[in-house]
């Protein structure tokens, strides 16, 4: 433990699409109380949204130079090319960060990223203070990220070629298995009985004793999430993964993403009314982005998971970029049909 105290602590924030990771990060940054914090955001897809949401968000410590965005690739697959050099650059600053927050893609497996902290170039300089897994409470309560285990077992018994579970279920379970603390987010959208039932269900699935903490909009005090001193890179055996036999490798061919460029709208009402129907019709996992409205200097931020969508004006447009939405779904989705449906 004493060796870890000399290292810069890093917190890995993982969780499925739309669980509220970026909102949780903003809350942590806004309550940093002067602590130098750097943020690495890993965006799945060619056009980042989460990093843009954080950059220059008006919170001290949230300046653009403290937000590093790694787009179009999962960190666990680009360790040597992107992640290690990024950490080294942060640590080599004249005033290096006192804590590093890492938001993984919603499709990322956390364990290969934790393993990366054992690379010789950074092992003596940085440690995984803890893995925070953010869970979308209402979504999980609706069963969106977990298949019927009996049905899966029946399929595997009937077809020997099925040697893995539903990839979404695997991602979700691997993120839970890696956790040092589970944030059951959007708890305010669940009644007390459903909340307690879900806490118990998640607790029963965890491979070790890990706290399951309810939250609203990711609003938890930094003392709850930071300073865990888990040294997770030294504790890999306690964090089982579906992909341990593959040395952490996994395929992202199960998922795909693309960008829909939007025109400037007089009103976003019709678009916002269409999006839940499009998401349901095409089984889309996530839609997020920004809408440009005529006569409005502020951009309209849109976030959707499943059929649940939220929109709010977050800040002024910083450039002439068109409005756009990033669509994330299962591989093979009909991108042209989805784009036409979104554009109406």
Protein backbone atom coordinates (compact mmCIF):
# COMPACT_ATOMS: atom_id res chain seq x y z
CA UNK A 1 0.00 0.00 0.00
CA UNK A 2 2.85 2.42 0.80
CA UNK A 3 4.13 2.17 -2.75
CA UNK A 4 0.70 3.14 -4.10
CA UNK A 5 0.69 6.26 -1.96
CA UNK A 6 3.59 7.62 -4.04
CA UNK A 7 1.66 7.11 -7.27
CA UNK A 8 -0.93 9.35 -8.91
CA UNK A 9 -4.33 7.73 -8.27
CA UNK A 10 -6.61 7.06 -11.23
CA UNK A 11 -10.31 6.23 -11.03
CA UNK A 12 -11.83 4.18 -13.85
CA UNK A 13 -15.50 5.07 -14.40
CA UNK A 14 -17.26 2.35 -16.34
CA UNK A 15 -20.87 1.48 -17.02
CA UNK A 16 -23.26 0.75 -19.79
CA UNK A 17 -24.47 3.25 -22.37
CA UNK A 18 -26.47 6.12 -20.92
CA UNK A 19 -25.90 5.12 -17.31
CA UNK A 20 -24.76 8.64 -16.39
CA UNK A 21 -20.95 8.43 -16.35
CA UNK A 22 -20.38 11.91 -17.78
CA UNK A 23 -22.85 13.46 -15.34
CA UNK A 24 -21.04 11.76 -12.47
CA UNK A 25 -17.69 13.09 -13.73
CA UNK A 26 -19.02 16.64 -13.92
CA UNK A 27 -20.20 16.38 -10.33
CA UNK A 28 -16.80 15.11 -9.20
CA UNK A 29 -14.99 17.92 -11.04
CA UNK A 30 -17.31 20.58 -9.62
CA UNK A 31 -16.57 19.35 -6.09
CA UNK A 32 -12.81 18.95 -6.50
CA UNK A 33 -12.09 21.80 -4.05
CA UNK A 34 -8.97 22.90 -5.88
CA UNK A 35 -7.54 19.43 -6.47
CA UNK A 36 -5.84 19.17 -9.89
CA UNK A 37 -7.90 16.63 -11.81
CA UNK A 38 -7.38 15.42 -15.38
CA UNK A 39 -10.03 13.50 -17.29
CA UNK A 40 -9.54 10.95 -20.07
CA UNK A 41 -12.72 10.27 -22.04
CA UNK A 42 -12.90 7.24 -24.32
CA UNK A 43 -15.66 7.72 -26.91
CA UNK A 44 -16.96 4.85 -29.06
CA UNK A 45 -17.50 6.31 -32.51
CA UNK A 46 -15.70 8.77 -34.72
CA UNK A 47 -17.29 11.90 -33.30
CA UNK A 48 -16.93 12.57 -29.59
CA UNK A 49 -19.86 13.84 -27.53
CA UNK A 50 -18.95 13.13 -23.91
CA UNK A 51 -15.65 14.99 -24.18
CA UNK A 52 -17.37 17.96 -25.78
CA UNK A 53 -19.89 17.97 -22.94
CA UNK A 54 -17.08 18.22 -20.38
CA UNK A 55 -14.72 20.65 -22.13
CA UNK A 56 -15.06 24.28 -21.03
CA UNK A 57 -18.21 23.42 -19.11
CA UNK A 58 -17.75 26.44 -16.86
CA UNK A 59 -16.55 24.45 -13.84
CA UNK A 60 -13.10 25.36 -12.45
CA UNK A 61 -10.79 22.49 -13.35
CA UNK A 62 -12.93 21.56 -16.35
CA UNK A 63 -10.80 23.57 -18.80
CA UNK A 64 -10.12 22.01 -22.18
CA UNK A 65 -6.47 21.26 -21.42
CA UNK A 66 -7.56 19.00 -18.56
CA UNK A 67 -9.90 16.94 -20.76
CA UNK A 68 -8.23 14.40 -23.05
CA UNK A 69 -10.49 12.65 -25.54
CA UNK A 70 -9.57 9.37 -27.21
CA UNK A 71 -12.11 8.73 -29.97
CA UNK A 72 -13.00 5.88 -32.28
CA UNK A 73 -11.50 3.00 -30.37
CA UNK A 74 -11.85 1.21 -27.07
CA UNK A 75 -9.02 1.98 -24.65
CA UNK A 76 -8.54 -1.70 -23.92
CA UNK A 77 -7.75 -2.25 -27.62
CA UNK A 78 -5.46 0.78 -28.10
CA UNK A 79 -3.35 0.66 -24.93
CA UNK A 80 0.06 0.99 -26.56
CA UNK A 81 -0.91 3.50 -29.24
CA UNK A 82 -3.15 5.86 -27.26
CA UNK A 83 -3.60 5.20 -23.58
CA UNK A 84 -0.02 4.81 -22.30
CA UNK A 85 1.29 7.88 -24.21
CA UNK A 86 -1.68 9.92 -22.96
CA UNK A 87 -0.96 8.99 -19.34
CA UNK A 88 2.73 9.75 -19.78
CA UNK A 89 1.96 13.18 -21.22
CA UNK A 90 -0.30 14.01 -18.27
CA UNK A 91 2.22 12.76 -15.71
CA UNK A 92 5.08 14.69 -17.38
CA UNK A 93 3.35 18.05 -17.01
CA UNK A 94 5.15 20.65 -14.84
CA UNK A 95 2.15 20.42 -12.50
CA UNK A 96 0.86 16.88 -13.02
CA UNK A 97 -2.68 16.00 -12.00
CA UNK A 98 -3.31 14.93 -8.44
CA UNK A 99 -6.02 12.55 -9.61
CA UNK A 100 -6.97 11.16 -13.02
CA UNK A 101 -10.52 10.24 -13.95
CA UNK A 102 -10.96 7.83 -16.86
CA UNK A 103 -14.40 7.48 -18.46
CA UNK A 104 -14.49 4.32 -20.54
CA UNK A 105 -16.73 3.75 -23.50
CA UNK A 106 -20.05 2.20 -22.55
CA UNK A 107 -19.00 -0.79 -24.65
CA UNK A 108 -15.61 -1.28 -22.99
CA UNK A 109 -14.51 -4.13 -20.77
CA UNK A 110 -12.68 -2.59 -17.81
CA UNK A 111 -10.31 -5.44 -16.93
CA UNK A 112 -7.93 -5.07 -19.91
CA UNK A 113 -7.67 -1.38 -19.08
CA UNK A 114 -6.85 -2.18 -15.45
CA UNK A 115 -4.16 -4.59 -16.68
CA UNK A 116 -2.59 -1.74 -18.66
CA UNK A 117 -1.56 -0.08 -15.40
CA UNK A 118 1.04 -2.84 -15.04
CA UNK A 119 2.89 -1.68 -18.15
CA UNK A 120 6.50 -0.83 -17.16
CA UNK A 121 6.26 2.70 -18.57
CA UNK A 122 3.61 3.73 -16.03
CA UNK A 123 3.48 1.11 -13.28
CA UNK A 124 5.71 3.06 -10.89
CA UNK A 125 3.87 6.34 -11.53
CA UNK A 126 0.13 5.71 -11.44
CA UNK A 127 -2.28 3.28 -9.76
CA UNK A 128 -5.96 2.38 -10.14
CA UNK A 129 -7.46 3.98 -7.04
CA UNK A 130 -10.76 2.29 -7.80
CA UNK A 131 -13.21 1.14 -10.46
CA UNK A 132 -16.59 2.87 -10.29
CA UNK A 133 -19.33 1.06 -12.20
CA UNK A 134 -22.36 3.22 -12.97
CA UNK A 135 -25.63 1.36 -13.49
CA UNK A 136 -28.77 2.78 -15.10
CA UNK A 137 -31.24 1.67 -12.44
CA UNK A 138 -34.51 1.89 -14.43
CA UNK A 139 -32.96 0.25 -17.50
CA UNK A 140 -31.60 -2.70 -15.55
CA UNK A 141 -34.89 -3.01 -13.68
CA UNK A 142 -36.56 -3.36 -17.10
CA UNK A 143 -34.12 -6.12 -18.05
CA UNK A 144 -32.53 -4.28 -20.96
CA UNK A 145 -28.99 -5.47 -20.22
CA UNK A 146 -29.54 -8.99 -18.97
CA UNK A 147 -30.89 -12.00 -20.88
CA UNK A 148 -33.02 -14.73 -19.34
CA UNK A 149 -30.31 -17.11 -18.05
CA UNK A 150 -32.56 -20.18 -18.44
CA UNK A 151 -33.25 -19.33 -22.07
CA UNK A 152 -29.53 -18.82 -22.73
CA UNK A 153 -28.73 -22.14 -21.07
CA UNK A 154 -31.36 -23.87 -23.22
CA UNK A 155 -29.90 -22.33 -26.40
CA UNK A 156 -26.37 -23.39 -25.46
CA UNK A 157 -27.55 -26.91 -24.71
CA UNK A 158 -29.34 -27.13 -28.07
CA UNK A 159 -26.52 -25.62 -30.15
CA UNK A 160 -22.89 -26.40 -29.19
CA UNK A 161 -21.67 -23.60 -31.48
CA UNK A 162 -23.06 -21.02 -29.04
CA UNK A 163 -20.04 -20.74 -26.75
CA UNK A 164 -20.69 -17.27 -25.31
CA UNK A 165 -23.55 -15.32 -23.83
CA UNK A 166 -25.26 -12.31 -25.33
CA UNK A 167 -22.44 -9.76 -25.76
CA UNK A 168 -24.43 -7.01 -24.03
CA UNK A 169 -24.88 -9.22 -20.99
CA UNK A 170 -21.17 -10.01 -21.00
CA UNK A 171 -20.20 -6.35 -21.09
CA UNK A 172 -22.59 -5.54 -18.25
CA UNK A 173 -21.39 -8.43 -16.10
CA UNK A 174 -17.72 -7.69 -16.71
CA UNK A 175 -18.26 -4.09 -15.65
CA UNK A 176 -19.95 -5.23 -12.44
CA UNK A 177 -17.24 -7.81 -11.77
CA UNK A 178 -14.50 -5.18 -12.00
CA UNK A 179 -16.17 -2.73 -9.62
CA UNK A 180 -14.85 -1.45 -6.31
CA UNK A 181 -18.11 0.45 -5.90
CA UNK A 182 -21.37 0.29 -7.90
CA UNK A 183 -23.35 3.50 -8.38
CA UNK A 184 -27.03 2.67 -8.87
CA UNK A 185 -27.87 5.83 -10.79
CA UNK A 186 -31.28 7.40 -11.49
CA UNK A 187 -32.48 5.92 -8.20
CA UNK A 188 -35.08 8.69 -7.99
CA UNK A 189 -36.91 7.05 -10.92
CA UNK A 190 -37.48 3.84 -8.93
CA UNK A 191 -39.91 3.34 -6.08
CA UNK A 192 -38.30 2.29 -2.76
CA UNK A 193 -39.27 -1.36 -3.10
CA UNK A 194 -37.90 -1.63 -6.65
CA UNK A 195 -34.70 0.15 -5.59
CA UNK A 196 -34.03 -2.24 -2.73
CA UNK A 197 -34.85 -5.24 -4.88
CA UNK A 198 -32.42 -4.06 -7.56
CA UNK A 199 -29.67 -3.39 -4.99
CA UNK A 200 -30.08 -6.92 -3.71
CA UNK A 201 -30.06 -8.41 -7.21
CA UNK A 202 -26.89 -6.55 -8.19
CA UNK A 203 -25.23 -7.41 -4.89
CA UNK A 204 -25.97 -11.10 -5.45
CA UNK A 205 -24.22 -10.98 -8.85
CA UNK A 206 -21.03 -9.36 -7.58
CA UNK A 207 -18.07 -11.71 -7.07
CA UNK A 208 -17.00 -10.01 -3.81
CA UNK A 209 -18.22 -7.59 -1.19
CA UNK A 210 -18.80 -4.29 -3.01
CA UNK A 211 -21.05 -1.44 -1.93
CA UNK A 212 -24.04 -0.64 -4.16
CA UNK A 213 -24.77 3.06 -3.65
CA UNK A 214 -27.93 4.73 -5.01
CA UNK A 215 -27.55 8.14 -6.64
CA UNK A 216 -29.54 10.77 -8.46
CA UNK A 217 -27.81 12.34 -11.47
CA UNK A 218 -24.51 10.86 -10.29
CA UNK A 219 -24.41 13.29 -7.38
CA UNK A 220 -22.13 11.60 -4.87
CA UNK A 221 -19.47 13.25 -2.74
CA UNK A 222 -15.90 12.71 -3.97
CA UNK A 223 -15.04 11.13 -0.63
CA UNK A 224 -17.39 8.27 -1.51
CA UNK A 225 -15.77 7.53 -4.88
CA UNK A 226 -12.17 8.75 -4.62
CA UNK A 227 -9.43 7.67 -2.25
CA UNK A 228 -10.41 3.97 -2.30
CA UNK A 229 -6.73 2.93 -2.60
CA UNK A 230 -7.81 -0.31 -4.26
CA UNK A 231 -4.62 -0.76 -6.34
CA UNK A 232 -6.84 -2.71 -8.71
CA UNK A 233 -3.95 -3.57 -11.03
CA UNK A 234 -2.60 -5.77 -8.20
CA UNK A 235 -6.01 -7.37 -7.59
CA UNK A 236 -6.90 -8.77 -11.00
CA UNK A 237 -7.80 -12.28 -9.85
CA UNK A 238 -10.65 -10.87 -7.74
CA UNK A 239 -12.19 -9.31 -10.88
CA UNK A 240 -13.29 -12.20 -13.10
CA UNK A 241 -14.08 -11.58 -16.76
CA UNK A 242 -15.86 -13.56 -19.44
CA UNK A 243 -12.76 -13.00 -21.53
CA UNK A 244 -10.05 -14.07 -19.09
CA UNK A 245 -9.24 -17.10 -21.26
CA UNK A 246 -8.54 -14.71 -24.14
CA UNK A 247 -6.15 -12.61 -22.03
CA UNK A 248 -8.61 -9.78 -22.02
CA UNK A 249 -9.15 -9.65 -25.75
CA UNK A 250 -12.66 -9.12 -27.06
CA UNK A 251 -14.41 -8.20 -30.22
CA UNK A 252 -16.14 -4.90 -30.90
CA UNK A 253 -17.66 -6.29 -34.07
CA UNK A 254 -20.80 -6.83 -31.97
CA UNK A 255 -21.39 -3.06 -32.01
CA UNK A 256 -21.28 -0.23 -34.50
CA UNK A 257 -21.79 3.53 -34.52
CA UNK A 258 -22.36 6.25 -37.08
CA UNK A 259 -23.12 9.96 -37.22
CA UNK A 260 -26.28 11.59 -38.56
CA UNK A 261 -25.67 15.22 -39.56
CA UNK A 262 -28.70 17.35 -38.72
CA UNK A 263 -30.03 20.47 -40.44
CA UNK A 264 -30.74 23.61 -38.47
CA UNK A 265 -34.25 23.41 -37.02
CA UNK A 266 -36.85 26.02 -36.18
CA UNK A 267 -38.02 23.73 -33.39
CA UNK A 268 -36.71 20.42 -32.06
CA UNK A 269 -40.13 19.17 -30.96
CA UNK A 270 -40.76 16.92 -33.96
CA UNK A 271 -37.24 15.48 -33.86
CA UNK A 272 -37.45 14.73 -30.14
CA UNK A 273 -40.83 13.07 -30.66
CA UNK A 274 -39.37 10.83 -33.40
CA UNK A 275 -36.26 9.66 -31.62
CA UNK A 276 -37.87 7.26 -29.10
CA UNK A 277 -39.86 5.62 -31.90
CA UNK A 278 -36.76 5.26 -34.08
CA UNK A 279 -34.78 3.81 -31.18
CA UNK A 280 -37.48 1.25 -30.46
CA UNK A 281 -38.08 0.31 -34.10
CA UNK A 282 -34.39 -0.34 -34.80
CA UNK A 283 -33.34 -1.60 -31.35
CA UNK A 284 -30.82 1.23 -30.98
CA UNK A 285 -28.75 1.21 -27.80
CA UNK A 286 -27.85 4.88 -27.58
CA UNK A 287 -28.41 8.20 -29.37
CA UNK A 288 -26.57 11.32 -28.26
CA UNK A 289 -25.46 14.61 -29.75
CA UNK A 290 -26.30 18.26 -30.30
CA UNK A 291 -29.05 20.07 -32.21
CA UNK A 292 -28.67 23.54 -33.72
CA UNK A 293 -31.81 25.72 -33.56
CA UNK A 294 -32.38 28.86 -35.60
CA UNK A 295 -31.97 32.02 -33.58
CA UNK A 296 -30.59 30.12 -30.57
CA UNK A 297 -26.92 30.66 -29.65
CA UNK A 298 -27.04 27.70 -27.27
CA UNK A 299 -26.77 24.14 -28.50
CA UNK A 300 -29.43 21.61 -27.51
CA UNK A 301 -27.77 18.54 -25.99
CA UNK A 302 -29.73 15.32 -26.60
CA UNK A 303 -29.09 12.10 -24.67
CA UNK A 304 -31.10 8.91 -25.13
CA UNK A 305 -30.88 5.31 -24.01
CA UNK A 306 -33.60 2.95 -25.17
CA UNK A 307 -36.79 5.00 -25.42
CA UNK A 308 -35.83 7.44 -22.67
CA UNK A 309 -34.56 10.79 -23.95
CA UNK A 310 -33.50 14.01 -22.28
CA UNK A 311 -32.68 17.35 -23.91
CA UNK A 312 -31.36 20.59 -22.47
CA UNK A 313 -29.43 23.65 -23.60
CA UNK A 314 -25.91 23.18 -22.26
CA UNK A 315 -23.75 25.98 -23.70
CA UNK A 316 -23.11 28.21 -26.70
CA UNK A 317 -21.88 26.75 -29.95
CA UNK A 318 -18.11 27.20 -30.08
CA UNK A 319 -17.78 26.77 -33.84
CA UNK A 320 -19.74 26.33 -37.06
CA UNK A 321 -20.09 22.56 -36.67
CA UNK A 322 -23.40 21.17 -37.85
CA UNK A 323 -25.84 19.63 -35.44
CA UNK A 324 -25.31 15.89 -35.24
CA UNK A 325 -26.35 12.72 -33.47
CA UNK A 326 -24.15 9.71 -32.75
CA UNK A 327 -26.10 6.44 -33.05
CA UNK A 328 -24.75 3.30 -31.34
CA UNK A 329 -26.28 -0.10 -31.88
CA UNK A 330 -25.69 -3.73 -32.69
CA UNK A 331 -23.53 -4.48 -35.71
CA UNK A 332 -25.55 -4.82 -38.90
CA UNK A 333 -28.11 -2.15 -38.08
CA UNK A 334 -29.57 -0.46 -41.15
CA UNK A 335 -27.78 2.88 -40.99
CA UNK A 336 -29.49 4.39 -44.04
CA UNK A 337 -32.97 3.52 -42.75
CA UNK A 338 -32.15 4.85 -39.30
CA UNK A 339 -30.77 8.10 -40.70
CA UNK A 340 -33.86 8.60 -42.88
CA UNK A 341 -36.14 7.93 -39.94
CA UNK A 342 -34.31 10.40 -37.71
CA UNK A 343 -34.36 13.12 -40.36
CA UNK A 344 -38.04 12.48 -41.05
